Amino acid sequence: MFFHEDWLMRQIEMLVAAILNAILSKRSRTNTVTEEENTKLSAIGELLDKNEICEAENLIFALADEKENDIELLNDAVKFYQTLNGKSEEFLNAHDFSHEEIKEGLGALCSRYDIFNDTLISFDFENDN
């Protein structure tokens, strides 16, 4: 079990690095963040600080629905998952979350933001070897 958790955490770390690299190399920040948007983005961090992980993830995807292709939100979302990836499976389970859900959330972000769809890089979100 420990080996599987360690492997999954490394896979998530590599995915986070690849997403952040894609953000920096493929997209430039073309929009400015309004005060209202900044407040919503800080709410993600506040929820995470309170260990309200599911609520924070729900907020991320609700904000993504409101404003498509928001690079600042994508960046914050990736950092959210990166922070969670550093937590133990026991901690995540205690808050109704898991490393598997981190991987799924990152995969959903990649699909939503059209990351890696036009490159040779692909991630197997179904293979849990």
N, C-alpha and C. Protein backbone atom coordinates (compact mmCIF):
# COMPACT_ATOMS: atom_id res chain seq x y z
N MET A 1 0.83 -1.20 0.00
CA MET A 1 0.00 0.00 0.00
C MET A 1 0.87 1.26 0.00
N PHE A 2 1.95 1.24 0.80
CA PHE A 2 2.82 2.40 0.85
C PHE A 2 3.46 2.65 -0.50
N PHE A 3 3.88 1.57 -1.18
CA PHE A 3 4.50 1.73 -2.49
C PHE A 3 3.53 2.38 -3.47
N HIS A 4 2.27 1.92 -3.47
CA HIS A 4 1.27 2.50 -4.37
C HIS A 4 1.06 3.98 -4.09
N GLU A 5 0.98 4.35 -2.82
CA GLU A 5 0.78 5.75 -2.45
C GLU A 5 1.98 6.59 -2.88
N ASP A 6 3.19 6.09 -2.66
CA ASP A 6 4.40 6.80 -3.05
C ASP A 6 4.47 6.97 -4.57
N TRP A 7 4.13 5.92 -5.30
CA TRP A 7 4.14 5.98 -6.76
C TRP A 7 3.14 7.02 -7.25
N LEU A 8 1.94 6.99 -6.68
CA LEU A 8 0.90 7.93 -7.09
C LEU A 8 1.31 9.36 -6.78
N MET A 9 1.91 9.59 -5.64
CA MET A 9 2.35 10.94 -5.28
C MET A 9 3.41 11.43 -6.26
N ARG A 10 4.34 10.57 -6.67
CA ARG A 10 5.36 10.96 -7.66
C ARG A 10 4.72 11.27 -9.01
N GLN A 11 3.73 10.48 -9.40
CA GLN A 11 3.03 10.74 -10.66
C GLN A 11 2.35 12.11 -10.63
N ILE A 12 1.74 12.44 -9.50
CA ILE A 12 1.08 13.73 -9.36
C ILE A 12 2.10 14.86 -9.42
N GLU A 13 3.25 14.68 -8.76
CA GLU A 13 4.30 15.70 -8.79
C GLU A 13 4.75 15.96 -10.23
N MET A 14 4.93 14.89 -11.01
CA MET A 14 5.35 15.05 -12.40
C MET A 14 4.26 15.74 -13.22
N LEU A 15 3.01 15.40 -12.96
CA LEU A 15 1.90 16.03 -13.68
C LEU A 15 1.82 17.52 -13.35
N VAL A 16 1.98 17.86 -12.08
CA VAL A 16 1.95 19.27 -11.68
C VAL A 16 3.06 20.04 -12.39
N ALA A 17 4.26 19.48 -12.40
CA ALA A 17 5.39 20.15 -13.06
C ALA A 17 5.11 20.34 -14.54
N ALA A 18 4.54 19.33 -15.18
CA ALA A 18 4.24 19.43 -16.61
C ALA A 18 3.16 20.49 -16.88
N ILE A 19 2.14 20.54 -16.03
CA ILE A 19 1.08 21.53 -16.22
C ILE A 19 1.64 22.94 -16.06
N LEU A 20 2.43 23.15 -15.00
CA LEU A 20 3.00 24.47 -14.78
C LEU A 20 3.91 24.87 -15.93
N ASN A 21 4.66 23.93 -16.47
CA ASN A 21 5.51 24.20 -17.62
C ASN A 21 4.66 24.56 -18.84
N ALA A 22 3.57 23.85 -19.02
CA ALA A 22 2.69 24.14 -20.16
C ALA A 22 2.07 25.52 -20.02
N ILE A 23 1.70 25.88 -18.81
CA ILE A 23 1.12 27.21 -18.59
C ILE A 23 2.13 28.29 -18.97
N LEU A 24 3.36 28.12 -18.53
CA LEU A 24 4.39 29.13 -18.78
C LEU A 24 4.79 29.19 -20.25
N SER A 25 4.84 28.04 -20.91
CA SER A 25 5.35 28.05 -22.28
C SER A 25 4.27 28.27 -23.34
N LYS A 26 3.04 27.90 -23.07
CA LYS A 26 2.01 27.96 -24.10
C LYS A 26 1.09 29.16 -24.01
N ARG A 27 0.95 29.70 -22.82
CA ARG A 27 -0.05 30.76 -22.66
C ARG A 27 0.56 31.97 -21.98
N SER A 28 0.18 33.11 -22.45
CA SER A 28 0.61 34.32 -21.76
C SER A 28 -0.61 34.87 -21.03
N ARG A 29 -0.35 35.54 -19.96
CA ARG A 29 -1.45 36.10 -19.17
C ARG A 29 -1.99 37.33 -19.89
N THR A 30 -3.19 37.19 -20.42
CA THR A 30 -3.76 38.27 -21.22
C THR A 30 -4.83 39.04 -20.49
N ASN A 31 -5.26 38.52 -19.35
CA ASN A 31 -6.31 39.22 -18.62
C ASN A 31 -5.80 39.64 -17.25
N THR A 32 -6.40 40.67 -16.74
CA THR A 32 -6.03 41.11 -15.41
C THR A 32 -7.05 40.57 -14.41
N VAL A 33 -6.61 40.38 -13.20
CA VAL A 33 -7.46 39.84 -12.17
C VAL A 33 -8.15 40.99 -11.46
N THR A 34 -9.47 40.95 -11.43
CA THR A 34 -10.22 42.00 -10.74
C THR A 34 -10.19 41.73 -9.23
N GLU A 35 -10.59 42.72 -8.46
CA GLU A 35 -10.61 42.57 -7.01
C GLU A 35 -11.58 41.45 -6.61
N GLU A 36 -12.71 41.37 -7.28
CA GLU A 36 -13.70 40.32 -6.98
C GLU A 36 -13.11 38.93 -7.26
N GLU A 37 -12.43 38.79 -8.41
CA GLU A 37 -11.82 37.52 -8.75
C GLU A 37 -10.71 37.16 -7.78
N ASN A 38 -9.93 38.16 -7.37
CA ASN A 38 -8.87 37.92 -6.40
C ASN A 38 -9.44 37.42 -5.08
N THR A 39 -10.59 37.98 -4.68
CA THR A 39 -11.25 37.54 -3.44
C THR A 39 -11.68 36.08 -3.57
N LYS A 40 -12.22 35.72 -4.74
CA LYS A 40 -12.64 34.33 -4.96
C LYS A 40 -11.44 33.39 -4.95
N LEU A 41 -10.33 33.82 -5.56
CA LEU A 41 -9.14 32.99 -5.57
C LEU A 41 -8.59 32.81 -4.16
N SER A 42 -8.62 33.88 -3.34
CA SER A 42 -8.13 33.74 -1.97
C SER A 42 -9.03 32.84 -1.14
N ALA A 43 -10.30 32.75 -1.52
CA ALA A 43 -11.22 31.87 -0.79
C ALA A 43 -10.78 30.41 -0.90
N ILE A 44 -10.16 30.05 -2.00
CA ILE A 44 -9.65 28.69 -2.17
C ILE A 44 -8.61 28.40 -1.09
N GLY A 45 -7.67 29.32 -0.91
CA GLY A 45 -6.64 29.15 0.11
C GLY A 45 -7.22 29.13 1.52
N GLU A 46 -8.22 29.97 1.75
CA GLU A 46 -8.84 30.00 3.07
C GLU A 46 -9.54 28.68 3.38
N LEU A 47 -10.23 28.13 2.40
CA LEU A 47 -10.88 26.83 2.60
C LEU A 47 -9.85 25.74 2.85
N LEU A 48 -8.76 25.80 2.12
CA LEU A 48 -7.70 24.81 2.32
C LEU A 48 -7.10 24.94 3.71
N ASP A 49 -6.91 26.17 4.17
CA ASP A 49 -6.38 26.39 5.52
C ASP A 49 -7.30 25.81 6.59
N LYS A 50 -8.60 25.78 6.30
CA LYS A 50 -9.58 25.23 7.25
C LYS A 50 -9.78 23.73 7.03
N ASN A 51 -8.99 23.14 6.14
CA ASN A 51 -9.10 21.72 5.78
C ASN A 51 -10.45 21.37 5.16
N GLU A 52 -11.06 22.34 4.51
CA GLU A 52 -12.32 22.11 3.79
C GLU A 52 -11.98 21.84 2.33
N ILE A 53 -11.37 20.69 2.12
CA ILE A 53 -10.78 20.34 0.83
C ILE A 53 -11.84 20.19 -0.26
N CYS A 54 -12.90 19.45 0.02
CA CYS A 54 -13.94 19.24 -1.00
C CYS A 54 -14.59 20.55 -1.40
N GLU A 55 -14.83 21.42 -0.42
CA GLU A 55 -15.43 22.71 -0.71
C GLU A 55 -14.50 23.56 -1.58
N ALA A 56 -13.20 23.51 -1.29
CA ALA A 56 -12.23 24.27 -2.08
C ALA A 56 -12.20 23.76 -3.52
N GLU A 57 -12.21 22.44 -3.69
CA GLU A 57 -12.20 21.89 -5.04
C GLU A 57 -13.49 22.27 -5.78
N ASN A 58 -14.61 22.20 -5.10
CA ASN A 58 -15.88 22.61 -5.73
C ASN A 58 -15.82 24.07 -6.18
N LEU A 59 -15.22 24.93 -5.35
CA LEU A 59 -15.09 26.34 -5.70
C LEU A 59 -14.21 26.51 -6.94
N ILE A 60 -13.13 25.76 -7.01
CA ILE A 60 -12.24 25.83 -8.17
C ILE A 60 -13.01 25.57 -9.46
N PHE A 61 -13.79 24.49 -9.46
CA PHE A 61 -14.51 24.14 -10.69
C PHE A 61 -15.69 25.08 -10.95
N ALA A 62 -16.29 25.62 -9.90
CA ALA A 62 -17.34 26.62 -10.10
C ALA A 62 -16.76 27.88 -10.73
N LEU A 63 -15.59 28.30 -10.26
CA LEU A 63 -14.93 29.48 -10.84
C LEU A 63 -14.50 29.20 -12.27
N ALA A 64 -14.04 27.98 -12.53
CA ALA A 64 -13.64 27.63 -13.90
C ALA A 64 -14.84 27.67 -14.85
N ASP A 65 -16.02 27.33 -14.33
CA ASP A 65 -17.24 27.41 -15.15
C ASP A 65 -17.59 28.86 -15.46
N GLU A 66 -17.35 29.75 -14.48
CA GLU A 66 -17.66 31.17 -14.65
C GLU A 66 -16.77 31.84 -15.68
N LYS A 67 -15.50 31.52 -15.65
CA LYS A 67 -14.55 32.21 -16.51
C LYS A 67 -13.60 31.20 -17.16
N GLU A 68 -13.86 30.92 -18.41
CA GLU A 68 -13.04 29.95 -19.13
C GLU A 68 -11.64 30.50 -19.39
N ASN A 69 -10.68 29.58 -19.42
CA ASN A 69 -9.29 29.89 -19.75
C ASN A 69 -8.66 30.94 -18.84
N ASP A 70 -9.05 30.97 -17.58
CA ASP A 70 -8.46 31.89 -16.61
C ASP A 70 -7.16 31.26 -16.10
N ILE A 71 -6.04 31.76 -16.62
CA ILE A 71 -4.74 31.19 -16.29
C ILE A 71 -4.41 31.36 -14.82
N GLU A 72 -4.81 32.46 -14.22
CA GLU A 72 -4.55 32.68 -12.80
C GLU A 72 -5.27 31.62 -11.96
N LEU A 73 -6.51 31.31 -12.31
CA LEU A 73 -7.25 30.27 -11.60
C LEU A 73 -6.58 28.92 -11.81
N LEU A 74 -6.18 28.62 -13.02
CA LEU A 74 -5.50 27.36 -13.30
C LEU A 74 -4.24 27.24 -12.45
N ASN A 75 -3.47 28.30 -12.39
CA ASN A 75 -2.25 28.30 -11.59
C ASN A 75 -2.57 28.03 -10.11
N ASP A 76 -3.58 28.72 -9.58
CA ASP A 76 -3.97 28.51 -8.19
C ASP A 76 -4.50 27.10 -7.95
N ALA A 77 -5.24 26.58 -8.92
CA ALA A 77 -5.79 25.22 -8.80
C ALA A 77 -4.67 24.18 -8.77
N VAL A 78 -3.68 24.36 -9.63
CA VAL A 78 -2.55 23.43 -9.66
C VAL A 78 -1.79 23.49 -8.34
N LYS A 79 -1.60 24.68 -7.81
CA LYS A 79 -0.92 24.82 -6.52
C LYS A 79 -1.74 24.19 -5.39
N PHE A 80 -3.07 24.30 -5.47
CA PHE A 80 -3.97 23.66 -4.51
C PHE A 80 -3.70 22.15 -4.50
N TYR A 81 -3.72 21.55 -5.69
CA TYR A 81 -3.48 20.10 -5.77
C TYR A 81 -2.06 19.74 -5.36
N GLN A 82 -1.12 20.60 -5.66
CA GLN A 82 0.27 20.36 -5.27
C GLN A 82 0.39 20.34 -3.74
N THR A 83 -0.28 21.26 -3.09
CA THR A 83 -0.28 21.29 -1.62
C THR A 83 -0.91 20.02 -1.06
N LEU A 84 -2.04 19.63 -1.63
CA LEU A 84 -2.71 18.41 -1.16
C LEU A 84 -1.84 17.18 -1.37
N ASN A 85 -1.10 17.16 -2.45
CA ASN A 85 -0.26 16.00 -2.74
C ASN A 85 0.79 15.78 -1.65
N GLY A 86 1.17 16.84 -0.95
CA GLY A 86 2.14 16.71 0.13
C GLY A 86 1.55 16.15 1.41
N LYS A 87 0.25 15.98 1.44
CA LYS A 87 -0.44 15.45 2.63
C LYS A 87 -0.47 13.93 2.57
N SER A 88 -0.53 13.32 3.74
CA SER A 88 -0.61 11.86 3.80
C SER A 88 -1.98 11.39 3.37
N GLU A 89 -2.05 10.13 2.96
CA GLU A 89 -3.34 9.55 2.57
C GLU A 89 -4.28 9.54 3.77
N GLU A 90 -3.74 9.33 4.96
CA GLU A 90 -4.57 9.33 6.17
C GLU A 90 -5.21 10.70 6.39
N PHE A 91 -4.43 11.76 6.21
CA PHE A 91 -4.96 13.12 6.36
C PHE A 91 -6.06 13.36 5.34
N LEU A 92 -5.77 13.01 4.08
CA LEU A 92 -6.75 13.22 3.02
C LEU A 92 -8.02 12.43 3.28
N ASN A 93 -7.88 11.17 3.68
CA ASN A 93 -9.06 10.34 3.97
C ASN A 93 -9.88 10.92 5.11
N ALA A 94 -9.21 11.50 6.09
CA ALA A 94 -9.92 12.11 7.22
C ALA A 94 -10.76 13.30 6.78
N HIS A 95 -10.42 13.86 5.61
CA HIS A 95 -11.15 15.01 5.07
C HIS A 95 -11.88 14.64 3.78
N ASP A 96 -12.23 13.35 3.66
CA ASP A 96 -13.00 12.85 2.51
C ASP A 96 -12.35 13.14 1.17
N PHE A 97 -11.04 12.90 1.09
CA PHE A 97 -10.30 13.13 -0.14
C PHE A 97 -9.24 12.04 -0.27
N SER A 98 -8.55 11.98 -1.41
CA SER A 98 -7.50 10.98 -1.61
C SER A 98 -6.53 11.46 -2.68
N HIS A 99 -5.39 10.78 -2.78
CA HIS A 99 -4.45 11.10 -3.84
C HIS A 99 -5.04 10.77 -5.21
N GLU A 100 -5.88 9.74 -5.25
CA GLU A 100 -6.55 9.41 -6.51
C GLU A 100 -7.42 10.57 -6.98
N GLU A 101 -8.10 11.23 -6.05
CA GLU A 101 -8.94 12.38 -6.41
C GLU A 101 -8.09 13.57 -6.85
N ILE A 102 -6.90 13.69 -6.30
CA ILE A 102 -5.98 14.75 -6.75
C ILE A 102 -5.64 14.52 -8.22
N LYS A 103 -5.29 13.28 -8.54
CA LYS A 103 -4.95 12.93 -9.92
C LYS A 103 -6.14 13.18 -10.85
N GLU A 104 -7.33 12.79 -10.41
CA GLU A 104 -8.52 13.01 -11.23
C GLU A 104 -8.81 14.50 -11.42
N GLY A 105 -8.62 15.28 -10.36
CA GLY A 105 -8.85 16.73 -10.46
C GLY A 105 -7.88 17.38 -11.44
N LEU A 106 -6.62 16.97 -11.38
CA LEU A 106 -5.64 17.51 -12.31
C LEU A 106 -5.97 17.11 -13.74
N GLY A 107 -6.44 15.88 -13.91
CA GLY A 107 -6.84 15.42 -15.25
C GLY A 107 -8.02 16.23 -15.78
N ALA A 108 -8.96 16.53 -14.90
CA ALA A 108 -10.12 17.34 -15.30
C ALA A 108 -9.68 18.75 -15.70
N LEU A 109 -8.71 19.30 -14.96
CA LEU A 109 -8.20 20.63 -15.31
C LEU A 109 -7.51 20.60 -16.68
N CYS A 110 -6.71 19.56 -16.92
CA CYS A 110 -6.03 19.44 -18.22
C CYS A 110 -7.05 19.41 -19.35
N SER A 111 -8.12 18.67 -19.16
CA SER A 111 -9.16 18.61 -20.19
C SER A 111 -9.85 19.95 -20.36
N ARG A 112 -10.21 20.57 -19.24
CA ARG A 112 -10.95 21.83 -19.28
C ARG A 112 -10.13 22.94 -19.92
N TYR A 113 -8.82 22.97 -19.64
CA TYR A 113 -7.96 24.04 -20.16
C TYR A 113 -7.22 23.63 -21.43
N ASP A 114 -7.58 22.46 -21.98
CA ASP A 114 -7.01 22.00 -23.24
C ASP A 114 -5.48 21.96 -23.17
N ILE A 115 -4.99 21.38 -22.09
CA ILE A 115 -3.54 21.24 -21.90
C ILE A 115 -3.15 19.83 -22.31
N PHE A 116 -2.13 19.72 -23.09
CA PHE A 116 -1.56 18.47 -23.58
C PHE A 116 -2.37 17.85 -24.71
N ASN A 117 -3.47 18.42 -25.12
CA ASN A 117 -4.25 17.83 -26.19
C ASN A 117 -3.57 17.99 -27.55
N ASP A 118 -2.67 18.98 -27.65
CA ASP A 118 -2.00 19.19 -28.93
C ASP A 118 -0.50 18.87 -28.85
N THR A 119 -0.13 18.06 -27.89
CA THR A 119 1.27 17.67 -27.75
C THR A 119 1.39 16.16 -27.73
N LEU A 120 2.60 15.69 -27.72
CA LEU A 120 2.82 14.24 -27.65
C LEU A 120 2.75 13.75 -26.20
N ILE A 121 2.67 14.65 -25.25
CA ILE A 121 2.61 14.26 -23.85
C ILE A 121 1.20 13.79 -23.53
N SER A 122 1.11 12.67 -22.89
CA SER A 122 -0.19 12.21 -22.43
C SER A 122 -0.01 11.53 -21.08
N PHE A 123 -1.03 11.54 -20.30
CA PHE A 123 -1.01 10.92 -19.00
C PHE A 123 -2.10 9.88 -18.93
N ASP A 124 -1.76 8.72 -18.43
CA ASP A 124 -2.72 7.63 -18.31
C ASP A 124 -3.41 7.74 -16.97
N PHE A 125 -4.63 8.31 -16.96
CA PHE A 125 -5.36 8.50 -15.72
C PHE A 125 -6.10 7.25 -15.30
N GLU A 126 -6.07 6.22 -16.12
CA GLU A 126 -6.77 4.98 -15.78
C GLU A 126 -5.83 3.94 -15.21
N ASN A 127 -4.53 4.06 -15.47
CA ASN A 127 -3.58 3.04 -15.05
C ASN A 127 -3.10 3.30 -13.65
N ASP A 128 -3.41 2.41 -12.72
CA ASP A 128 -3.02 2.57 -11.32
C ASP A 128 -2.01 1.51 -10.89
N ASN A 129 -1.11 1.10 -11.77
CA ASN A 129 -0.13 0.07 -11.42
C ASN A 129 0.73 0.47 -10.29
